[in-house]
């Protein structure tokens, strides 16, 4: 089978492979890292499809309330290492401004949730052979930040990172109403929440510019949050070479 960007697994809408993106001397490898929306809709057949795709590690970036309402089918799974790192704890949208609220959120995550980001990247670097899948609810914001860091470390150019981020808009269109309903049930303001559902290219362009302006480069950023050279090398190898 030819590798493909979107994995159409029943029960999901936004499972995407980070392989096939151009770098200076080749491309990122297929079947190494997958980004995704929530997995709670998976039935037994869907779980088997994930295993067939090579998944051996799942990193759930959601917070406790989301886990309670939409349990992860890989929690306690015999063949998959499951990790939960709540990436946006304490970053409530109500504290954000009137401009690009997602850009504000991403900046806060990059500056105030550095230990959580470092933990996620360390898990990926230390993961056993097989594919690592990381996900949140829509597979857009928390997942998008982690994907941008990984692709940037691998040497993928900014334009392709932006394109990868923007793909989510079409992927999650069928479940926008469901995502909104779930957020409102957990206490979100429906009108305000609508502002958080976009994945405009300009938001990721500005996010990458923020990292460069504040930290100098993607590598410098991950070094600043505590990753050593050996870990960074393993992360790059995860997408580019042997691991």
Foldseek 3Di string as FASTA:
>chain_A
DDDDQDDPQPQFQAKGWLWDFDAPPGTWHTFQEIFGAARLRDDPRSVVVVVVSFAAEEEEQDDDVCCVVRPHPCVVPPRHHYHYQPQQPPQDLVPADDDLSLLVSLVCSLPPRLVSLLVVLLCSLPPDPTYYYYYYHLRARVVLSSSLLLCQLLRRDLVVSLVSNQVSLVRCVVCPVVVLVVVVVVPDDSVSVVSVNHRDSVSSVVNQVVCCVPQNGSVSSSVVSPDDPSSSVSSNCSTHNPD
